């Protein structure tokens, strides 16, 4: 169900208040933010290297594989969420650090960074929750609104969701590639992406080869050659475990920020000639936050503040917690809903939404029976 838009006067006042928050916050961005992200990078490198080294101690006891996998999994989470995602949005371009540049950063993920920048940064953040424009709403796999006609395949979409959760980086890689267009012959892709299908596919498979070779061939083989075949298997399984940890956590965080029970959808007609105030309004109603400790916010890449990230996608993530208090007050002032809660309560509504829209409405059920009578 789509959402009506408030009056132009109300939205303009809303825009002015949010613009003021953005301007005041961005004026403070500087050394403090640079110090923060460099500290996170150091922690990530320590966990990445430390986890891989500890795995080698699995030669003496299997628990080392578990500890190493957990450390590596956390490193991958930090790299994908607090570092890669925010860096690729341009949040730290002010540092002029070539290693943290939004246009060239490449993360530890099978999803090609350039594909991500072309689609996610533009498509999702411009057309958030506009049905037919934002492919991230359900990832072209799940029915999460009655705006999408029911099909038989949605009946078991909870299992599709589980598969996406366990293999999230792979699903995102295919999705951000615009895979259904590249591999199924839709000509529109070259105009949309500004690059040929051949080059898109080349980048896609090149990134996959590099990631698979590093985690599933190179590191296990190096240890296996020195310490024996059983160590190859142990390192391989530990690396698979680390990627599963990252995939499950990342998927859960993303779904809690985008697909909770109170998230709204919009039609293309609603958003014609959209003003900045209307765009802000859509970002807030199309997003969800969840509350928690400082460590939780860091581990989510501050996407626990998805509302603020959708409002100000190129703002350093370090600032989202302080901004969230001001945004919440502005929403209260203008009587606009602000969707937040505990992580568990938000995730519960995600699961409810997945189950709810896996079932057809009475009208859809009757139409299906009639068509197949």
Protein backbone atom coordinates (compact mmCIF):
# COMPACT_ATOMS: atom_id res chain seq x y z
CA UNK A 1 0.00 0.00 0.00
CA UNK A 2 1.43 3.36 -0.98
CA UNK A 3 1.57 6.45 1.21
CA UNK A 4 -0.04 9.91 0.79
CA UNK A 5 2.28 12.93 0.86
CA UNK A 6 1.85 15.87 3.32
CA UNK A 7 1.23 19.43 2.18
CA UNK A 8 3.94 21.38 0.38
CA UNK A 9 4.12 23.94 3.23
CA UNK A 10 4.64 21.28 5.85
CA UNK A 11 7.31 19.55 3.78
CA UNK A 12 9.18 22.79 3.13
CA UNK A 13 9.42 23.54 6.87
CA UNK A 14 10.53 19.96 7.42
CA UNK A 15 13.24 20.35 4.76
CA UNK A 16 14.58 23.53 6.30
CA UNK A 17 14.98 21.88 9.69
CA UNK A 18 16.75 18.83 8.26
CA UNK A 19 19.00 20.95 6.03
CA UNK A 20 20.03 22.90 9.11
CA UNK A 21 20.96 19.66 10.91
CA UNK A 22 23.01 18.55 7.93
CA UNK A 23 24.80 21.88 7.50
CA UNK A 24 25.68 22.19 11.20
CA UNK A 25 26.93 18.60 11.37
CA UNK A 26 29.00 18.70 8.19
CA UNK A 27 30.65 21.91 9.40
CA UNK A 28 32.08 19.90 12.32
CA UNK A 29 33.43 17.04 10.20
CA UNK A 30 37.20 16.81 10.31
CA UNK A 31 40.08 15.32 12.30
CA UNK A 32 37.86 13.59 14.85
CA UNK A 33 36.11 11.65 12.09
CA UNK A 34 39.43 10.84 10.38
CA UNK A 35 40.88 9.52 13.63
CA UNK A 36 37.82 7.38 14.18
CA UNK A 37 37.79 5.65 10.78
CA UNK A 38 41.57 5.06 10.91
CA UNK A 39 41.14 3.41 14.30
CA UNK A 40 38.43 1.15 12.87
CA UNK A 41 40.73 0.26 9.96
CA UNK A 42 43.48 -0.70 12.42
CA UNK A 43 41.10 -2.90 14.41
CA UNK A 44 39.90 -4.51 11.18
CA UNK A 45 43.46 -5.30 10.07
CA UNK A 46 44.34 -6.72 13.48
CA UNK A 47 41.30 -9.01 13.48
CA UNK A 48 41.84 -10.07 9.86
CA UNK A 49 45.51 -10.96 10.27
CA UNK A 50 45.08 -12.26 13.82
CA UNK A 51 42.18 -14.48 12.86
CA UNK A 52 44.07 -16.04 9.97
CA UNK A 53 47.16 -16.66 12.14
CA UNK A 54 45.16 -18.16 15.01
CA UNK A 55 43.54 -20.59 12.57
CA UNK A 56 46.98 -22.11 12.02
CA UNK A 57 47.00 -23.15 15.69
CA UNK A 58 44.20 -25.50 14.72
CA UNK A 59 47.06 -27.90 14.04
CA UNK A 60 47.16 -28.34 17.82
CA UNK A 61 43.47 -27.89 18.76
CA UNK A 62 40.26 -27.45 16.75
CA UNK A 63 39.09 -24.55 18.94
CA UNK A 64 41.66 -22.33 17.18
CA UNK A 65 39.68 -22.74 13.95
CA UNK A 66 36.56 -21.46 15.73
CA UNK A 67 38.30 -18.49 17.36
CA UNK A 68 40.04 -17.59 14.10
CA UNK A 69 36.81 -17.84 12.11
CA UNK A 70 34.97 -15.56 14.56
CA UNK A 71 37.79 -12.99 14.46
CA UNK A 72 37.89 -13.09 10.67
CA UNK A 73 34.10 -12.88 10.47
CA UNK A 74 34.11 -9.74 12.63
CA UNK A 75 36.89 -8.27 10.47
CA UNK A 76 34.80 -8.89 7.35
CA UNK A 77 31.78 -7.23 9.01
CA UNK A 78 33.83 -4.14 9.85
CA UNK A 79 35.30 -4.02 6.36
CA UNK A 80 31.90 -4.32 4.66
CA UNK A 81 29.79 -2.15 6.93
CA UNK A 82 31.64 0.46 8.95
CA UNK A 83 34.49 0.91 6.46
CA UNK A 84 33.55 -0.15 2.92
CA UNK A 85 29.88 0.85 2.81
CA UNK A 86 30.47 4.28 4.30
CA UNK A 87 33.69 4.96 2.42
CA UNK A 88 32.05 4.06 -0.91
CA UNK A 89 29.31 6.57 -0.14
CA UNK A 90 32.03 9.25 -0.07
CA UNK A 91 31.72 9.87 3.66
CA UNK A 92 35.48 10.13 4.15
CA UNK A 93 36.52 11.76 0.89
CA UNK A 94 37.32 14.94 2.84
CA UNK A 95 40.45 13.15 4.15
CA UNK A 96 42.02 12.92 0.66
CA UNK A 97 43.30 9.48 1.66
CA UNK A 98 43.73 7.30 -1.47
CA UNK A 99 43.00 4.18 0.64
CA UNK A 100 39.66 5.59 1.81
CA UNK A 101 38.47 7.14 -1.43
CA UNK A 102 34.82 6.71 -2.30
CA UNK A 103 35.40 6.21 -6.03
CA UNK A 104 38.13 3.57 -5.79
CA UNK A 105 37.75 1.64 -2.51
CA UNK A 106 37.33 -2.11 -2.97
CA UNK A 107 35.96 -4.24 -0.14
CA UNK A 108 36.36 -7.86 0.93
CA UNK A 109 33.17 -9.06 -0.76
CA UNK A 110 32.27 -10.91 -3.96
CA UNK A 111 30.20 -7.87 -4.95
CA UNK A 112 32.27 -5.65 -7.25
CA UNK A 113 32.70 -2.19 -5.73
CA UNK A 114 32.07 -0.37 -8.99
CA UNK A 115 28.80 -2.24 -9.53
CA UNK A 116 27.76 -1.25 -6.03
CA UNK A 117 28.52 2.39 -6.64
CA UNK A 118 26.64 2.42 -9.94
CA UNK A 119 23.44 0.87 -8.63
CA UNK A 120 23.13 1.11 -4.85
CA UNK A 121 24.47 4.64 -4.42
CA UNK A 122 22.29 6.03 -7.19
CA UNK A 123 19.29 3.76 -7.67
CA UNK A 124 18.44 2.81 -4.09
CA UNK A 125 19.28 6.13 -2.48
CA UNK A 126 17.45 8.16 -5.11
CA UNK A 127 14.31 6.02 -5.46
CA UNK A 128 14.06 4.54 -1.96
CA UNK A 129 10.93 2.36 -1.67
CA UNK A 130 9.36 3.58 -4.91
CA UNK A 131 7.79 0.44 -6.27
CA UNK A 132 9.07 -0.21 -9.78
CA UNK A 133 12.12 2.04 -9.33
CA UNK A 134 13.93 0.78 -6.21
CA UNK A 135 15.04 -2.80 -6.95
CA UNK A 136 16.37 -3.11 -3.40
CA UNK A 137 12.83 -3.37 -2.08
CA UNK A 138 12.73 -7.15 -1.78
CA UNK A 139 15.81 -7.55 -3.99
CA UNK A 140 13.56 -8.75 -6.86
CA UNK A 141 13.26 -11.98 -4.85
CA UNK A 142 10.79 -11.36 -2.03
CA UNK A 143 7.28 -9.93 -1.96
CA UNK A 144 7.25 -7.43 0.92
CA UNK A 145 4.27 -5.29 -0.03
CA UNK A 146 0.86 -5.77 -1.61
CA UNK A 147 2.07 -3.42 -4.36
CA UNK A 148 3.73 -6.52 -5.82
CA UNK A 149 1.25 -8.99 -7.36
CA UNK A 150 1.22 -12.37 -5.63
CA UNK A 151 2.76 -15.33 -7.45
CA UNK A 152 2.91 -18.98 -6.41
CA UNK A 153 6.66 -18.75 -5.84
CA UNK A 154 6.09 -16.27 -3.00
CA UNK A 155 4.33 -18.96 -0.97
CA UNK A 156 7.69 -20.31 0.18
CA UNK A 157 9.56 -17.01 0.25
CA UNK A 158 10.71 -17.51 3.85
CA UNK A 159 13.05 -20.20 2.53
CA UNK A 160 14.23 -17.84 -0.20
CA UNK A 161 14.92 -15.34 2.57
CA UNK A 162 16.97 -17.89 4.50
CA UNK A 163 19.00 -18.67 1.39
CA UNK A 164 19.61 -14.97 0.79
CA UNK A 165 20.71 -14.58 4.41
CA UNK A 166 23.29 -17.38 4.27
CA UNK A 167 24.61 -16.31 0.85
CA UNK A 168 23.99 -12.59 1.19
CA UNK A 169 27.20 -11.36 -0.46
CA UNK A 170 26.42 -13.51 -3.51
CA UNK A 171 22.87 -12.25 -3.74
CA UNK A 172 24.03 -8.65 -3.47
CA UNK A 173 26.74 -9.23 -6.10
CA UNK A 174 24.20 -10.55 -8.60
CA UNK A 175 21.65 -7.88 -7.70
CA UNK A 176 24.04 -4.94 -7.95
CA UNK A 177 25.33 -6.25 -11.26
CA UNK A 178 21.74 -5.96 -12.53
CA UNK A 179 22.23 -9.66 -13.22
CA UNK A 180 18.78 -10.34 -14.60
CA UNK A 181 19.50 -7.84 -17.37
CA UNK A 182 23.08 -8.85 -18.08
CA UNK A 183 22.47 -12.58 -18.23
CA UNK A 184 18.96 -12.59 -19.67
CA UNK A 185 19.49 -10.27 -22.61
CA UNK A 186 17.69 -7.08 -21.61
CA UNK A 187 19.21 -4.28 -23.71
CA UNK A 188 18.30 -1.51 -21.28
CA UNK A 189 21.22 -2.32 -19.01
CA UNK A 190 23.91 -0.63 -21.11
CA UNK A 191 22.02 2.65 -21.11
CA UNK A 192 21.28 2.45 -17.37
CA UNK A 193 24.77 1.47 -16.25
CA UNK A 194 26.74 3.47 -18.81
CA UNK A 195 28.89 0.41 -19.48
CA UNK A 196 28.64 -2.60 -21.77
CA UNK A 197 27.17 -5.91 -20.66
CA UNK A 198 30.46 -7.57 -21.54
CA UNK A 199 32.41 -5.28 -19.21
CA UNK A 200 29.84 -5.68 -16.43
CA UNK A 201 30.07 -9.46 -16.64
CA UNK A 202 33.88 -9.29 -16.79
CA UNK A 203 34.03 -7.18 -13.60
CA UNK A 204 31.51 -9.48 -11.92
CA UNK A 205 33.42 -12.70 -12.56
CA UNK A 206 36.82 -11.08 -11.96
CA UNK A 207 35.83 -10.01 -8.44
CA UNK A 208 34.36 -13.44 -7.68
CA UNK A 209 37.54 -15.18 -8.84
CA UNK A 210 39.70 -12.97 -6.62
CA UNK A 211 37.53 -13.47 -3.53
CA UNK A 212 37.10 -17.22 -4.00
CA UNK A 213 40.81 -17.72 -4.72
CA UNK A 214 41.91 -15.78 -1.63
CA UNK A 215 39.59 -17.43 0.92
CA UNK A 216 39.06 -20.90 -0.53
CA UNK A 217 42.29 -21.68 -2.40
CA UNK A 218 45.29 -19.50 -1.51
CA UNK A 219 45.17 -19.35 2.31
CA UNK A 220 44.10 -22.99 2.79
CA UNK A 221 46.71 -24.17 0.27
CA UNK A 222 49.60 -22.25 1.86
CA UNK A 223 48.85 -23.74 5.28
CA UNK A 224 48.03 -27.14 3.84
CA UNK A 225 51.33 -27.40 1.96
CA UNK A 226 53.27 -26.67 5.15
CA UNK A 227 51.20 -28.56 7.73
CA UNK A 228 49.36 -31.18 5.71
CA UNK A 229 46.06 -31.88 3.95
CA UNK A 230 43.88 -31.85 7.12
CA UNK A 231 44.94 -28.24 7.72
CA UNK A 232 43.83 -27.29 4.19
CA UNK A 233 40.36 -28.58 5.05
CA UNK A 234 40.38 -26.89 8.46
CA UNK A 235 41.36 -23.47 7.07
CA UNK A 236 38.85 -23.83 4.24
CA UNK A 237 35.99 -24.60 6.65
CA UNK A 238 37.03 -21.76 8.98
CA UNK A 239 37.00 -19.29 6.07
CA UNK A 240 33.57 -20.53 5.01
CA UNK A 241 32.45 -20.00 8.61
CA UNK A 242 33.82 -16.44 8.65
CA UNK A 243 31.93 -15.58 5.48
CA UNK A 244 28.74 -17.09 6.91
CA UNK A 245 29.11 -14.96 10.05
CA UNK A 246 29.47 -11.85 7.90
CA UNK A 247 26.58 -12.80 5.59
CA UNK A 248 24.08 -13.60 8.36
CA UNK A 249 24.89 -10.47 10.35
CA UNK A 250 24.91 -8.14 7.35
CA UNK A 251 21.64 -9.49 5.99
CA UNK A 252 19.94 -9.16 9.37
CA UNK A 253 21.09 -5.56 9.80
CA UNK A 254 20.02 -4.59 6.27
CA UNK A 255 16.59 -6.16 6.64
CA UNK A 256 16.06 -4.48 10.03
CA UNK A 257 16.80 -1.13 8.39
CA UNK A 258 14.62 -1.56 5.32
CA UNK A 259 11.83 -4.11 5.74
CA UNK A 260 10.27 -3.78 9.18
CA UNK A 261 6.52 -3.82 9.64
CA UNK A 262 6.08 -0.02 9.67
CA UNK A 263 8.15 0.73 6.57
CA UNK A 264 6.13 2.52 3.87
CA UNK A 265 6.18 2.19 0.10
CA UNK A 266 5.50 4.81 -2.56
CA UNK A 267 4.26 4.85 -6.13
CA UNK A 268 5.99 6.54 -9.06
CA UNK A 269 2.97 8.81 -9.38
CA UNK A 270 3.40 9.96 -5.76
CA UNK A 271 6.95 11.06 -6.46
CA UNK A 272 6.61 12.97 -9.72
CA UNK A 273 8.22 16.42 -9.49
CA UNK A 274 9.40 15.52 -6.00
CA UNK A 275 10.72 18.34 -3.83
CA UNK A 276 13.64 17.99 -1.43
CA UNK A 277 11.23 18.00 1.50
CA UNK A 278 9.18 15.21 -0.06
CA UNK A 279 12.38 13.22 -0.67
CA UNK A 280 13.35 13.62 2.99
CA UNK A 281 9.88 12.50 4.05
CA UNK A 282 10.09 9.40 1.87
CA UNK A 283 13.51 8.48 3.28
CA UNK A 284 12.22 8.60 6.84
CA UNK A 285 9.06 6.59 6.20
CA UNK A 286 11.01 4.09 4.10
CA UNK A 287 13.62 3.36 6.80
CA UNK A 288 13.94 1.82 10.26
CA UNK A 289 16.37 2.33 13.13
CA UNK A 290 17.21 0.17 16.11
CA UNK A 291 18.76 1.02 19.45
CA UNK A 292 21.75 -0.52 21.22
CA UNK A 293 25.25 -0.08 22.56
CA UNK A 294 28.13 1.79 20.95
CA UNK A 295 29.64 -1.53 19.87
CA UNK A 296 26.36 -2.55 18.21
CA UNK A 297 26.27 0.68 16.22
CA UNK A 298 29.86 0.18 15.06
CA UNK A 299 29.22 -3.45 14.10
CA UNK A 300 26.25 -2.39 11.98
CA UNK A 301 28.30 0.26 10.20
CA UNK A 302 25.91 2.65 11.98
CA UNK A 303 23.15 1.30 9.75
CA UNK A 304 21.31 0.89 13.03
CA UNK A 305 20.74 4.56 12.10
CA UNK A 306 19.32 3.74 8.69
CA UNK A 307 16.94 6.73 8.85
CA UNK A 308 19.84 9.15 9.17
CA UNK A 309 21.89 7.28 6.58
CA UNK A 310 19.07 7.56 4.04
CA UNK A 311 18.68 11.25 4.81
CA UNK A 312 22.42 12.03 4.63
CA UNK A 313 24.14 9.13 2.80
CA UNK A 314 27.49 10.87 2.35
CA UNK A 315 27.82 11.96 5.99
CA UNK A 316 30.56 10.17 8.00
CA UNK A 317 28.83 7.34 9.85
CA UNK A 318 30.52 8.44 13.07
CA UNK A 319 28.06 11.35 13.20
CA UNK A 320 24.81 9.41 12.86
CA UNK A 321 24.23 8.82 16.58
CA UNK A 322 24.35 12.51 17.48
CA UNK A 323 22.29 13.41 14.40
CA UNK A 324 19.60 10.84 15.24
CA UNK A 325 18.60 12.73 18.37
CA UNK A 326 18.07 15.93 16.37
CA UNK A 327 16.23 14.17 13.53
CA UNK A 328 13.90 12.49 16.02
CA UNK A 329 13.08 15.87 17.55
CA UNK A 330 12.34 17.38 14.12
CA UNK A 331 10.04 14.46 13.32
CA UNK A 332 8.24 15.00 16.61
CA UNK A 333 7.89 18.71 15.82
CA UNK A 334 6.30 18.02 12.42
CA UNK A 335 4.28 15.00 13.57
CA UNK A 336 6.13 12.61 11.25
CA UNK A 337 6.64 8.98 12.36
CA UNK A 338 10.16 7.96 13.41
CA UNK A 339 10.58 4.20 13.25
CA UNK A 340 12.88 2.76 15.92
CA UNK A 341 13.03 0.02 18.56
CA UNK A 342 15.28 -2.75 19.77
CA UNK A 343 17.04 -4.87 17.16
CA UNK A 344 15.05 -7.94 18.16
CA UNK A 345 11.69 -6.15 18.03
CA UNK A 346 12.51 -4.78 14.58
CA UNK A 347 13.70 -8.16 13.33
CA UNK A 348 10.50 -9.77 14.62
CA UNK A 349 8.46 -7.44 12.40
CA UNK A 350 10.73 -8.28 9.44
CA UNK A 351 9.86 -11.95 9.80
CA UNK A 352 6.17 -11.09 10.21
CA UNK A 353 6.31 -9.04 7.02
CA UNK A 354 7.96 -11.86 5.08
CA UNK A 355 5.27 -14.32 6.20
CA UNK A 356 2.41 -11.85 5.73
CA UNK A 357 3.17 -11.11 2.10
CA UNK A 358 3.94 -14.71 1.25
CA UNK A 359 0.17 -15.23 1.37
CA UNK A 360 -2.23 -13.86 -1.25
CA UNK A 361 -5.13 -11.57 -0.43
CA UNK A 362 -8.61 -13.04 -0.76
CA UNK A 363 -9.00 -11.31 -4.14
CA UNK A 364 -5.65 -12.67 -5.38
CA UNK A 365 -6.48 -16.14 -4.12
CA UNK A 366 -9.82 -16.10 -5.94
CA UNK A 367 -8.20 -14.79 -9.13
CA UNK A 368 -5.55 -17.52 -8.98
CA UNK A 369 -8.15 -20.26 -8.52
CA UNK A 370 -10.20 -18.91 -11.41
CA UNK A 371 -7.19 -18.72 -13.70
CA UNK A 372 -6.24 -22.30 -12.90
CA UNK A 373 -9.75 -23.80 -12.84
